[in-house]
Amino acid sequence: MLVLIGSVAIGASDPVTRALAVILGVGLIVFGLVGMASGLHRREAGQSLPIAVLIVAGGLALVGLLLTVNGIGGYDQVKSTFKLLGVLMIVAGGALAVYGYVLRSRDATDPGE
């Protein structure tokens, strides 16, 4: 939702665009860092690292850093960053839908039940 709102508000004015990018960027950095810390903290002794959690949280932190840095740069950089972020979100959503379908198919054919 934030990306959609950002893409609508991005043309309002340069200060609004910069503020939106910096606020969203800092929020994503904090969210990503907390997600990585939570994934590592909740791990039980002997469990493997939660790779998926670390990848997603690290990706969010990197996108937040990119938005924060580009927000300082101005309107054109933020506009291209929001376009890139939108494409990445669509690709990630498609990948998650396929992954969910694979998991559901595997559960339906699991002989262990």
PDB file of N, CA and C in Angstrom:
ATOM      1  N   MET A   1       0.821  -1.194   0.000  1.00  0.00           N
ATOM      2  CA  MET A   1       0.000   0.000   0.000  1.00  0.00           C
ATOM      3  C   MET A   1       0.866   1.259   0.000  1.00  0.00           C
ATOM      4  N   LEU A   2       1.973   1.221   0.739  1.00  0.00           N
ATOM      5  CA  LEU A   2       2.821   2.407   0.796  1.00  0.00           C
ATOM      6  C   LEU A   2       3.422   2.738  -0.559  1.00  0.00           C
ATOM      7  N   VAL A   3       3.779   1.708  -1.312  1.00  0.00           N
ATOM      8  CA  VAL A   3       4.334   1.956  -2.640  1.00  0.00           C
ATOM      9  C   VAL A   3       3.271   2.564  -3.550  1.00  0.00           C
ATOM     10  N   LEU A   4       2.044   2.075  -3.459  1.00  0.00           N
ATOM     11  CA  LEU A   4       0.955   2.620  -4.262  1.00  0.00           C
ATOM     12  C   LEU A   4       0.673   4.073  -3.886  1.00  0.00           C
ATOM     13  N   ILE A   5       0.591   4.357  -2.600  1.00  0.00           N
ATOM     14  CA  ILE A   5       0.382   5.731  -2.151  1.00  0.00           C
ATOM     15  C   ILE A   5       1.557   6.604  -2.571  1.00  0.00           C
ATOM     16  N   GLY A   6       2.764   6.078  -2.444  1.00  0.00           N
ATOM     17  CA  GLY A   6       3.958   6.832  -2.831  1.00  0.00           C
ATOM     18  C   GLY A   6       3.978   7.159  -4.299  1.00  0.00           C
ATOM     19  N   SER A   7       3.538   6.221  -5.135  1.00  0.00           N
ATOM     20  CA  SER A   7       3.544   6.487  -6.575  1.00  0.00           C
ATOM     21  C   SER A   7       2.516   7.543  -6.955  1.00  0.00           C
ATOM     22  N   VAL A   8       1.435   7.670  -6.191  1.00  0.00           N
ATOM     23  CA  VAL A   8       0.441   8.708  -6.451  1.00  0.00           C
ATOM     24  C   VAL A   8       0.943  10.055  -5.934  1.00  0.00           C
ATOM     25  N   ALA A   9       1.551  10.047  -4.737  1.00  0.00           N
ATOM     26  CA  ALA A   9       1.985  11.298  -4.108  1.00  0.00           C
ATOM     27  C   ALA A   9       3.321  11.782  -4.642  1.00  0.00           C
ATOM     28  N   ILE A  10       4.002  10.965  -5.418  1.00  0.00           N
ATOM     29  CA  ILE A  10       5.355  11.311  -5.850  1.00  0.00           C
ATOM     30  C   ILE A  10       5.388  12.535  -6.752  1.00  0.00           C
ATOM     31  N   GLY A  11       4.319  12.818  -7.441  1.00  0.00           N
ATOM     32  CA  GLY A  11       4.300  13.972  -8.323  1.00  0.00           C
ATOM     33  C   GLY A  11       3.857  15.253  -7.637  1.00  0.00           C
ATOM     34  N   ALA A  12       3.500  15.179  -6.365  1.00  0.00           N
ATOM     35  CA  ALA A  12       2.967  16.348  -5.667  1.00  0.00           C
ATOM     36  C   ALA A  12       3.983  17.486  -5.624  1.00  0.00           C
ATOM     37  N   SER A  13       5.122  17.230  -5.061  1.00  0.00           N
ATOM     38  CA  SER A  13       6.190  18.239  -5.027  1.00  0.00           C
ATOM     39  C   SER A  13       7.478  17.551  -4.597  1.00  0.00           C
ATOM     40  N   ASP A  14       8.576  18.201  -4.840  1.00  0.00           N
ATOM     41  CA  ASP A  14       9.867  17.615  -4.512  1.00  0.00           C
ATOM     42  C   ASP A  14      10.042  17.401  -3.005  1.00  0.00           C
ATOM     43  N   PRO A  15       9.666  18.345  -2.131  1.00  0.00           N
ATOM     44  CA  PRO A  15       9.815  18.087  -0.691  1.00  0.00           C
ATOM     45  C   PRO A  15       8.946  16.936  -0.198  1.00  0.00           C
ATOM     46  N   VAL A  16       7.735  16.807  -0.736  1.00  0.00           N
ATOM     47  CA  VAL A  16       6.860  15.694  -0.343  1.00  0.00           C
ATOM     48  C   VAL A  16       7.482  14.373  -0.772  1.00  0.00           C
ATOM     49  N   THR A  17       8.019  14.340  -1.970  1.00  0.00           N
ATOM     50  CA  THR A  17       8.648  13.129  -2.483  1.00  0.00           C
ATOM     51  C   THR A  17       9.846  12.740  -1.631  1.00  0.00           C
ATOM     52  N   ARG A  18      10.678  13.693  -1.315  1.00  0.00           N
ATOM     53  CA  ARG A  18      11.848  13.412  -0.491  1.00  0.00           C
ATOM     54  C   ARG A  18      11.445  12.921   0.895  1.00  0.00           C
ATOM     55  N   ALA A  19      10.483  13.596   1.507  1.00  0.00           N
ATOM     56  CA  ALA A  19      10.047  13.202   2.846  1.00  0.00           C
ATOM     57  C   ALA A  19       9.446  11.808   2.837  1.00  0.00           C
ATOM     58  N   LEU A  20       8.626  11.516   1.836  1.00  0.00           N
ATOM     59  CA  LEU A  20       8.003  10.201   1.737  1.00  0.00           C
ATOM     60  C   LEU A  20       9.061   9.105   1.575  1.00  0.00           C
ATOM     61  N   ALA A  21      10.038   9.344   0.731  1.00  0.00           N
ATOM     62  CA  ALA A  21      11.084   8.349   0.502  1.00  0.00           C
ATOM     63  C   ALA A  21      11.937   8.135   1.742  1.00  0.00           C
ATOM     64  N   VAL A  22      12.284   9.191   2.424  1.00  0.00           N
ATOM     65  CA  VAL A  22      13.120   9.053   3.619  1.00  0.00           C
ATOM     66  C   VAL A  22      12.352   8.367   4.741  1.00  0.00           C
ATOM     67  N   ILE A  23      11.095   8.747   4.953  1.00  0.00           N
ATOM     68  CA  ILE A  23      10.291   8.118   6.009  1.00  0.00           C
ATOM     69  C   ILE A  23      10.080   6.636   5.710  1.00  0.00           C
ATOM     70  N   LEU A  24       9.699   6.322   4.489  1.00  0.00           N
ATOM     71  CA  LEU A  24       9.509   4.928   4.103  1.00  0.00           C
ATOM     72  C   LEU A  24      10.822   4.164   4.170  1.00  0.00           C
ATOM     73  N   GLY A  25      11.905   4.774   3.744  1.00  0.00           N
ATOM     74  CA  GLY A  25      13.209   4.120   3.771  1.00  0.00           C
ATOM     75  C   GLY A  25      13.669   3.800   5.177  1.00  0.00           C
ATOM     76  N   VAL A  26      13.562   4.759   6.077  1.00  0.00           N
ATOM     77  CA  VAL A  26      13.972   4.525   7.462  1.00  0.00           C
ATOM     78  C   VAL A  26      13.086   3.460   8.101  1.00  0.00           C
ATOM     79  N   GLY A  27      11.798   3.504   7.818  1.00  0.00           N
ATOM     80  CA  GLY A  27      10.890   2.476   8.341  1.00  0.00           C
ATOM     81  C   GLY A  27      11.251   1.084   7.844  1.00  0.00           C
ATOM     82  N   LEU A  28      11.590   0.961   6.568  1.00  0.00           N
ATOM     83  CA  LEU A  28      11.977  -0.346   6.033  1.00  0.00           C
ATOM     84  C   LEU A  28      13.307  -0.822   6.604  1.00  0.00           C
ATOM     85  N   ILE A  29      14.234   0.093   6.835  1.00  0.00           N
ATOM     86  CA  ILE A  29      15.512  -0.293   7.452  1.00  0.00           C
ATOM     87  C   ILE A  29      15.266  -0.848   8.854  1.00  0.00           C
ATOM     88  N   VAL A  30      14.484  -0.141   9.644  1.00  0.00           N
ATOM     89  CA  VAL A  30      14.189  -0.594  11.005  1.00  0.00           C
ATOM     90  C   VAL A  30      13.443  -1.928  10.974  1.00  0.00           C
ATOM     91  N   PHE A  31      12.440  -2.035  10.102  1.00  0.00           N
ATOM     92  CA  PHE A  31      11.667  -3.270   9.991  1.00  0.00           C
ATOM     93  C   PHE A  31      12.555  -4.443   9.587  1.00  0.00           C
ATOM     94  N   GLY A  32      13.458  -4.223   8.634  1.00  0.00           N
ATOM     95  CA  GLY A  32      14.361  -5.285   8.196  1.00  0.00           C
ATOM     96  C   GLY A  32      15.329  -5.704   9.283  1.00  0.00           C
ATOM     97  N   LEU A  33      15.897  -4.740   9.992  1.00  0.00           N
ATOM     98  CA  LEU A  33      16.838  -5.070  11.061  1.00  0.00           C
ATOM     99  C   LEU A  33      16.155  -5.802  12.220  1.00  0.00           C
ATOM    100  N   VAL A  34      14.953  -5.370  12.569  1.00  0.00           N
ATOM    101  CA  VAL A  34      14.198  -6.050  13.621  1.00  0.00           C
ATOM    102  C   VAL A  34      13.820  -7.467  13.168  1.00  0.00           C
ATOM    103  N   GLY A  35      13.464  -7.620  11.908  1.00  0.00           N
ATOM    104  CA  GLY A  35      13.140  -8.949  11.379  1.00  0.00           C
ATOM    105  C   GLY A  35      14.335  -9.896  11.421  1.00  0.00           C
ATOM    106  N   MET A  36      15.520  -9.386  11.058  1.00  0.00           N
ATOM    107  CA  MET A  36      16.722 -10.227  11.124  1.00  0.00           C
ATOM    108  C   MET A  36      17.044 -10.599  12.570  1.00  0.00           C
ATOM    109  N   ALA A  37      16.965  -9.631  13.477  1.00  0.00           N
ATOM    110  CA  ALA A  37      17.249  -9.907  14.880  1.00  0.00           C
ATOM    111  C   ALA A  37      16.240 -10.895  15.458  1.00  0.00           C
ATOM    112  N   SER A  38      14.986 -10.733  15.100  1.00  0.00           N
ATOM    113  CA  SER A  38      13.942 -11.644  15.580  1.00  0.00           C
ATOM    114  C   SER A  38      14.151 -13.056  15.051  1.00  0.00           C
ATOM    115  N   GLY A  39      14.503 -13.167  13.777  1.00  0.00           N
ATOM    116  CA  GLY A  39      14.747 -14.488  13.197  1.00  0.00           C
ATOM    117  C   GLY A  39      15.911 -15.201  13.859  1.00  0.00           C
ATOM    118  N   LEU A  40      16.935 -14.462  14.196  1.00  0.00           N
ATOM    119  CA  LEU A  40      18.090 -15.069  14.869  1.00  0.00           C
ATOM    120  C   LEU A  40      17.797 -15.342  16.339  1.00  0.00           C
ATOM    121  N   HIS A  41      17.057 -14.476  16.986  1.00  0.00           N
ATOM    122  CA  HIS A  41      16.775 -14.631  18.413  1.00  0.00           C
ATOM    123  C   HIS A  41      15.811 -15.789  18.685  1.00  0.00           C
ATOM    124  N   ARG A  42      14.839 -15.999  17.829  1.00  0.00           N
ATOM    125  CA  ARG A  42      13.830 -17.043  18.047  1.00  0.00           C
ATOM    126  C   ARG A  42      14.311 -18.433  17.672  1.00  0.00           C
ATOM    127  N   ARG A  43      15.492 -18.511  17.111  1.00  0.00           N
ATOM    128  CA  ARG A  43      16.031 -19.802  16.685  1.00  0.00           C
ATOM    129  C   ARG A  43      16.390 -20.632  17.911  1.00  0.00           C
ATOM    130  N   GLU A  44      15.962 -21.878  17.904  1.00  0.00           N
ATOM    131  CA  GLU A  44      16.267 -22.804  18.993  1.00  0.00           C
ATOM    132  C   GLU A  44      17.675 -23.357  18.813  1.00  0.00           C
ATOM    133  N   ALA A  45      18.259 -23.826  19.883  1.00  0.00           N
ATOM    134  CA  ALA A  45      19.593 -24.412  19.819  1.00  0.00           C
ATOM    135  C   ALA A  45      19.558 -25.653  18.930  1.00  0.00           C
ATOM    136  N   GLY A  46      20.491 -25.729  18.014  1.00  0.00           N
ATOM    137  CA  GLY A  46      20.557 -26.872  17.107  1.00  0.00           C
ATOM    138  C   GLY A  46      19.802 -26.671  15.808  1.00  0.00           C
ATOM    139  N   GLN A  47      18.964 -25.646  15.719  1.00  0.00           N
ATOM    140  CA  GLN A  47      18.237 -25.369  14.482  1.00  0.00           C
ATOM    141  C   GLN A  47      19.160 -24.662  13.503  1.00  0.00           C
ATOM    142  N   SER A  48      18.865 -24.858  12.229  1.00  0.00           N
ATOM    143  CA  SER A  48      19.637 -24.155  11.211  1.00  0.00           C
ATOM    144  C   SER A  48      19.182 -22.697  11.147  1.00  0.00           C
ATOM    145  N   LEU A  49      19.987 -21.887  10.482  1.00  0.00           N
ATOM    146  CA  LEU A  49      19.628 -20.476  10.329  1.00  0.00           C
ATOM    147  C   LEU A  49      18.363 -20.336   9.488  1.00  0.00           C
ATOM    148  N   PRO A  50      17.468 -19.433   9.860  1.00  0.00           N
ATOM    149  CA  PRO A  50      16.259 -19.207   9.060  1.00  0.00           C
ATOM    150  C   PRO A  50      16.602 -18.363   7.821  1.00  0.00           C
ATOM    151  N   ILE A  51      17.109 -19.025   6.795  1.00  0.00           N
ATOM    152  CA  ILE A  51      17.622 -18.344   5.610  1.00  0.00           C
ATOM    153  C   ILE A  51      16.561 -17.470   4.952  1.00  0.00           C
ATOM    154  N   ALA A  52      15.346 -17.983   4.798  1.00  0.00           N
ATOM    155  CA  ALA A  52      14.290 -17.215   4.131  1.00  0.00           C
ATOM    156  C   ALA A  52      13.981 -15.934   4.891  1.00  0.00           C
ATOM    157  N   VAL A  53      13.916 -16.030   6.212  1.00  0.00           N
ATOM    158  CA  VAL A  53      13.638 -14.842   7.030  1.00  0.00           C
ATOM    159  C   VAL A  53      14.764 -13.826   6.881  1.00  0.00           C
ATOM    160  N   LEU A  54      15.992 -14.303   6.903  1.00  0.00           N
ATOM    161  CA  LEU A  54      17.132 -13.399   6.780  1.00  0.00           C
ATOM    162  C   LEU A  54      17.194 -12.742   5.410  1.00  0.00           C
ATOM    163  N   ILE A  55      16.852 -13.484   4.361  1.00  0.00           N
ATOM    164  CA  ILE A  55      16.869 -12.917   3.006  1.00  0.00           C
ATOM    165  C   ILE A  55      15.802 -11.840   2.859  1.00  0.00           C
ATOM    166  N   VAL A  56      14.584 -12.125   3.305  1.00  0.00           N
ATOM    167  CA  VAL A  56      13.493 -11.154   3.188  1.00  0.00           C
ATOM    168  C   VAL A  56      13.781  -9.912   4.028  1.00  0.00           C
ATOM    169  N   ALA A  57      14.196 -10.108   5.272  1.00  0.00           N
ATOM    170  CA  ALA A  57      14.478  -8.971   6.145  1.00  0.00           C
ATOM    171  C   ALA A  57      15.671  -8.164   5.634  1.00  0.00           C
ATOM    172  N   GLY A  58      16.698  -8.841   5.149  1.00  0.00           N
ATOM    173  CA  GLY A  58      17.842  -8.137   4.583  1.00  0.00           C
ATOM    174  C   GLY A  58      17.470  -7.373   3.323  1.00  0.00           C
ATOM    175  N   GLY A  59      16.612  -7.966   2.507  1.00  0.00           N
ATOM    176  CA  GLY A  59      16.137  -7.283   1.303  1.00  0.00           C
ATOM    177  C   GLY A  59      15.351  -6.026   1.642  1.00  0.00           C
ATOM    178  N   LEU A  60      14.510  -6.109   2.671  1.00  0.00           N
ATOM    179  CA  LEU A  60      13.758  -4.926   3.097  1.00  0.00           C
ATOM    180  C   LEU A  60      14.688  -3.832   3.600  1.00  0.00           C
ATOM    181  N   ALA A  61      15.713  -4.224   4.355  1.00  0.00           N
ATOM    182  CA  ALA A  61      16.661  -3.229   4.855  1.00  0.00           C
ATOM    183  C   ALA A  61      17.424  -2.578   3.701  1.00  0.00           C
ATOM    184  N   LEU A  62      17.798  -3.375   2.685  1.00  0.00           N
ATOM    185  CA  LEU A  62      18.507  -2.810   1.534  1.00  0.00           C
ATOM    186  C   LEU A  62      17.622  -1.872   0.727  1.00  0.00           C
ATOM    187  N   VAL A  63      16.364  -2.240   0.539  1.00  0.00           N
ATOM    188  CA  VAL A  63      15.431  -1.359  -0.174  1.00  0.00           C
ATOM    189  C   VAL A  63      15.227  -0.073   0.617  1.00  0.00           C
ATOM    190  N   GLY A  64      15.140  -0.195   1.934  1.00  0.00           N
ATOM    191  CA  GLY A  64      15.013   0.997   2.773  1.00  0.00           C
ATOM    192  C   GLY A  64      16.221   1.900   2.659  1.00  0.00           C
ATOM    193  N   LEU A  65      17.403   1.306   2.631  1.00  0.00           N
ATOM    194  CA  LEU A  65      18.624   2.096   2.465  1.00  0.00           C
ATOM    195  C   LEU A  65      18.638   2.789   1.101  1.00  0.00           C
ATOM    196  N   LEU A  66      18.227   2.061   0.072  1.00  0.00           N
ATOM    197  CA  LEU A  66      18.164   2.638  -1.275  1.00  0.00           C
ATOM    198  C   LEU A  66      17.182   3.809  -1.324  1.00  0.00           C
ATOM    199  N   LEU A  67      16.014   3.649  -0.714  1.00  0.00           N
ATOM    200  CA  LEU A  67      15.028   4.727  -0.697  1.00  0.00           C
ATOM    201  C   LEU A  67      15.536   5.935   0.083  1.00  0.00           C
ATOM    202  N   THR A  68      16.189   5.692   1.200  1.00  0.00           N
ATOM    203  CA  THR A  68      16.690   6.795   2.017  1.00  0.00           C
ATOM    204  C   THR A  68      17.758   7.581   1.267  1.00  0.00           C
ATOM    205  N   VAL A  69      18.693   6.883   0.659  1.00  0.00           N
ATOM    206  CA  VAL A  69      19.766   7.551  -0.075  1.00  0.00           C
ATOM    207  C   VAL A  69      19.207   8.291  -1.291  1.00  0.00           C
ATOM    208  N   ASN A  70      18.312   7.648  -2.031  1.00  0.00           N
ATOM    209  CA  ASN A  70      17.740   8.292  -3.213  1.00  0.00           C
ATOM    210  C   ASN A  70      16.759   9.400  -2.847  1.00  0.00           C
ATOM    211  N   GLY A  71      16.151   9.327  -1.666  1.00  0.00           N
ATOM    212  CA  GLY A  71      15.252  10.385  -1.229  1.00  0.00           C
ATOM    213  C   GLY A  71      15.982  11.689  -1.036  1.00  0.00           C
ATOM    214  N   ILE A  72      17.200  11.594  -0.619  1.00  0.00           N
ATOM    215  CA  ILE A  72      18.018  12.795  -0.458  1.00  0.00           C
ATOM    216  C   ILE A  72      18.403  13.351  -1.830  1.00  0.00           C
ATOM    217  N   GLY A  73      18.528  12.453  -2.825  1.00  0.00           N
ATOM    218  CA  GLY A  73      18.949  12.851  -4.162  1.00  0.00           C
ATOM    219  C   GLY A  73      17.933  13.642  -4.949  1.00  0.00           C
ATOM    220  N   GLY A  74      16.645  13.471  -4.671  1.00  0.00           N
ATOM    221  CA  GLY A  74      15.649  14.258  -5.379  1.00  0.00           C
ATOM    222  C   GLY A  74      14.598  13.429  -6.093  1.00  0.00           C
ATOM    223  N   TYR A  75      13.744  14.141  -6.798  1.00  0.00           N
ATOM    224  CA  TYR A  75      12.544  13.576  -7.417  1.00  0.00           C
ATOM    225  C   TYR A  75      12.841  12.477  -8.433  1.00  0.00           C
ATOM    226  N   ASP A  76      13.770  12.717  -9.349  1.00  0.00           N
ATOM    227  CA  ASP A  76      14.026  11.746 -10.417  1.00  0.00           C
ATOM    228  C   ASP A  76      14.552  10.423  -9.879  1.00  0.00           C
ATOM    229  N   GLN A  77      15.426  10.491  -8.901  1.00  0.00           N
ATOM    230  CA  GLN A  77      15.959   9.259  -8.325  1.00  0.00           C
ATOM    231  C   GLN A  77      14.892   8.501  -7.554  1.00  0.00           C
ATOM    232  N   VAL A  78      14.047   9.206  -6.834  1.00  0.00           N
ATOM    233  CA  VAL A  78      12.980   8.551  -6.074  1.00  0.00           C
ATOM    234  C   VAL A  78      11.963   7.925  -7.017  1.00  0.00           C
ATOM    235  N   LYS A  79      11.656   8.601  -8.101  1.00  0.00           N
ATOM    236  CA  LYS A  79      10.685   8.075  -9.061  1.00  0.00           C
ATOM    237  C   LYS A  79      11.169   6.744  -9.640  1.00  0.00           C
ATOM    238  N   SER A  80      12.431   6.679 -10.028  1.00  0.00           N
ATOM    239  CA  SER A  80      12.964   5.420 -10.569  1.00  0.00           C
ATOM    240  C   SER A  80      13.039   4.351  -9.494  1.00  0.00           C
ATOM    241  N   THR A  81      13.313   4.737  -8.257  1.00  0.00           N
ATOM    242  CA  THR A  81      13.360   3.762  -7.158  1.00  0.00           C
ATOM    243  C   THR A  81      11.983   3.182  -6.890  1.00  0.00           C
ATOM    244  N   PHE A  82      10.938   4.038  -6.920  1.00  0.00           N
ATOM    245  CA  PHE A  82       9.581   3.531  -6.708  1.00  0.00           C
ATOM    246  C   PHE A  82       9.152   2.606  -7.844  1.00  0.00           C
ATOM    247  N   LYS A  83       9.552   2.901  -9.058  1.00  0.00           N
ATOM    248  CA  LYS A  83       9.233   1.996 -10.163  1.00  0.00           C
ATOM    249  C   LYS A  83       9.912   0.645  -9.963  1.00  0.00           C
ATOM    250  N   LEU A  84      11.195   0.670  -9.604  1.00  0.00           N
ATOM    251  CA  LEU A  84      11.929  -0.562  -9.347  1.00  0.00           C
ATOM    252  C   LEU A  84      11.304  -1.338  -8.198  1.00  0.00           C
ATOM    253  N   LEU A  85      10.938  -0.648  -7.137  1.00  0.00           N
ATOM    254  CA  LEU A  85      10.318  -1.294  -5.990  1.00  0.00           C
ATOM    255  C   LEU A  85       8.983  -1.923  -6.360  1.00  0.00           C
ATOM    256  N   GLY A  86       8.205  -1.244  -7.176  1.00  0.00           N
ATOM    257  CA  GLY A  86       6.929  -1.801  -7.618  1.00  0.00           C
ATOM    258  C   GLY A  86       7.104  -3.069  -8.428  1.00  0.00           C
ATOM    259  N   VAL A  87       8.068  -3.074  -9.343  1.00  0.00           N
ATOM    260  CA  VAL A  87       8.336  -4.271 -10.148  1.00  0.00           C
ATOM    261  C   VAL A  87       8.821  -5.412  -9.257  1.00  0.00           C
ATOM    262  N   LEU A  88       9.713  -5.106  -8.316  1.00  0.00           N
ATOM    263  CA  LEU A  88      10.207  -6.141  -7.411  1.00  0.00           C
ATOM    264  C   LEU A  88       9.093  -6.719  -6.551  1.00  0.00           C
ATOM    265  N   MET A  89       8.160  -5.878  -6.105  1.00  0.00           N
ATOM    266  CA  MET A  89       7.036  -6.364  -5.302  1.00  0.00           C
ATOM    267  C   MET A  89       6.120  -7.281  -6.116  1.00  0.00           C
ATOM    268  N   ILE A  90       5.894  -6.941  -7.374  1.00  0.00           N
ATOM    269  CA  ILE A  90       5.065  -7.791  -8.229  1.00  0.00           C
ATOM    270  C   ILE A  90       5.739  -9.134  -8.458  1.00  0.00           C
ATOM    271  N   VAL A  91       7.045  -9.122  -8.733  1.00  0.00           N
ATOM    272  CA  VAL A  91       7.789 -10.367  -8.944  1.00  0.00           C
ATOM    273  C   VAL A  91       7.800 -11.201  -7.665  1.00  0.00           C
ATOM    274  N   ALA A  92       8.035 -10.564  -6.515  1.00  0.00           N
ATOM    275  CA  ALA A  92       8.051 -11.293  -5.249  1.00  0.00           C
ATOM    276  C   ALA A  92       6.677 -11.881  -4.938  1.00  0.00           C
ATOM    277  N   GLY A  93       5.619 -11.152  -5.226  1.00  0.00           N
ATOM    278  CA  GLY A  93       4.274 -11.674  -5.007  1.00  0.00           C
ATOM    279  C   GLY A  93       3.982 -12.875  -5.884  1.00  0.00           C
ATOM    280  N   GLY A  94       4.405 -12.827  -7.142  1.00  0.00           N
ATOM    281  CA  GLY A  94       4.230 -13.974  -8.029  1.00  0.00           C
ATOM    282  C   GLY A  94       5.029 -15.180  -7.544  1.00  0.00           C
ATOM    283  N   ALA A  95       6.254 -14.937  -7.109  1.00  0.00           N
ATOM    284  CA  ALA A  95       7.084 -16.032  -6.600  1.00  0.00           C
ATOM    285  C   ALA A  95       6.464 -16.646  -5.347  1.00  0.00           C
ATOM    286  N   LEU A  96       5.918 -15.829  -4.460  1.00  0.00           N
ATOM    287  CA  LEU A  96       5.272 -16.353  -3.264  1.00  0.00           C
ATOM    288  C   LEU A  96       4.003 -17.132  -3.602  1.00  0.00           C
ATOM    289  N   ALA A  97       3.260 -16.696  -4.608  1.00  0.00           N
ATOM    290  CA  ALA A  97       2.063 -17.430  -5.025  1.00  0.00           C
ATOM    291  C   ALA A  97       2.442 -18.804  -5.574  1.00  0.00           C
ATOM    292  N   VAL A  98       3.487 -18.859  -6.383  1.00  0.00           N
ATOM    293  CA  VAL A  98       3.957 -20.145  -6.914  1.00  0.00           C
ATOM    294  C   VAL A  98       4.465 -21.032  -5.785  1.00  0.00           C
ATOM    295  N   TYR A  99       5.209 -20.465  -4.861  1.00  0.00           N
ATOM    296  CA  TYR A  99       5.729 -21.226  -3.720  1.00  0.00           C
ATOM    297  C   TYR A  99       4.584 -21.785  -2.869  1.00  0.00           C
ATOM    298  N   GLY A 100       3.539 -20.984  -2.644  1.00  0.00           N
ATOM    299  CA  GLY A 100       2.372 -21.448  -1.899  1.00  0.00           C
ATOM    300  C   GLY A 100       1.670 -22.589  -2.620  1.00  0.00           C
ATOM    301  N   TYR A 101       1.559 -22.492  -3.948  1.00  0.00           N
ATOM    302  CA  TYR A 101       0.948 -23.567  -4.727  1.00  0.00           C
ATOM    303  C   TYR A 101       1.763 -24.851  -4.618  1.00  0.00           C
ATOM    304  N   VAL A 102       3.083 -24.729  -4.681  1.00  0.00           N
ATOM    305  CA  VAL A 102       3.950 -25.908  -4.561  1.00  0.00           C
ATOM    306  C   VAL A 102       3.793 -26.545  -3.193  1.00  0.00           C
ATOM    307  N   LEU A 103       3.758 -25.746  -2.140  1.00  0.00           N
ATOM    308  CA  LEU A 103       3.587 -26.294  -0.798  1.00  0.00           C
ATOM    309  C   LEU A 103       2.234 -26.963  -0.632  1.00  0.00           C
ATOM    310  N   ARG A 104       1.208 -26.349  -1.187  1.00  0.00           N
ATOM    311  CA  ARG A 104      -0.129 -26.948  -1.086  1.00  0.00           C
ATOM    312  C   ARG A 104      -0.194 -28.260  -1.868  1.00  0.00           C
ATOM    313  N   SER A 105       0.412 -28.296  -3.040  1.00  0.00           N
ATOM    314  CA  SER A 105       0.424 -29.528  -3.837  1.00  0.00           C
ATOM    315  C   SER A 105       1.194 -30.631  -3.128  1.00  0.00           C
ATOM    316  N   ARG A 106       2.291 -30.256  -2.493  1.00  0.00           N
ATOM    317  CA  ARG A 106       3.093 -31.252  -1.781  1.00  0.00           C
ATOM    318  C   ARG A 106       2.319 -31.820  -0.596  1.00  0.00           C
ATOM    319  N   ASP A 107       1.576 -30.969   0.126  1.00  0.00           N
ATOM    320  CA  ASP A 107       0.783 -31.441   1.260  1.00  0.00           C
ATOM    321  C   ASP A 107      -0.347 -32.346   0.815  1.00  0.00           C
ATOM    322  N   ALA A 108      -0.936 -32.079  -0.355  1.00  0.00           N
ATOM    323  CA  ALA A 108      -2.057 -32.881  -0.856  1.00  0.00           C
ATOM    324  C   ALA A 108      -1.597 -34.271  -1.252  1.00  0.00           C
ATOM    325  N   THR A 109      -0.342 -34.402  -1.680  1.00  0.00           N
ATOM    326  CA  THR A 109       0.154 -35.716  -2.119  1.00  0.00           C
ATOM    327  C   THR A 109       1.082 -36.351  -1.095  1.00  0.00           C
ATOM    328  N   ASP A 110       1.139 -35.817   0.128  1.00  0.00           N
ATOM    329  CA  ASP A 110       2.036 -36.344   1.152  1.00  0.00           C
ATOM    330  C   ASP A 110       1.527 -37.690   1.651  1.00  0.00           C
ATOM    331  N   PRO A 111       2.300 -38.771   1.457  1.00  0.00           N
ATOM    332  CA  PRO A 111       1.840 -40.086   1.888  1.00  0.00           C
ATOM    333  C   PRO A 111       1.898 -40.259   3.395  1.00  0.00           C
ATOM    334  N   GLY A 112       2.473 -39.335   4.115  1.00  0.00           N
ATOM    335  CA  GLY A 112       2.597 -39.462   5.566  1.00  0.00           C
ATOM    336  C   GLY A 112       1.310 -39.220   6.315  1.00  0.00           C
ATOM    337  N   GLU A 113       0.290 -38.745   5.665  1.00  0.00           N
ATOM    338  CA  GLU A 113      -0.969 -38.442   6.358  1.00  0.00           C
ATOM    339  C   GLU A 113      -1.891 -39.619   6.346  1.00  0.00           C
TER     340      GLU A 113
END
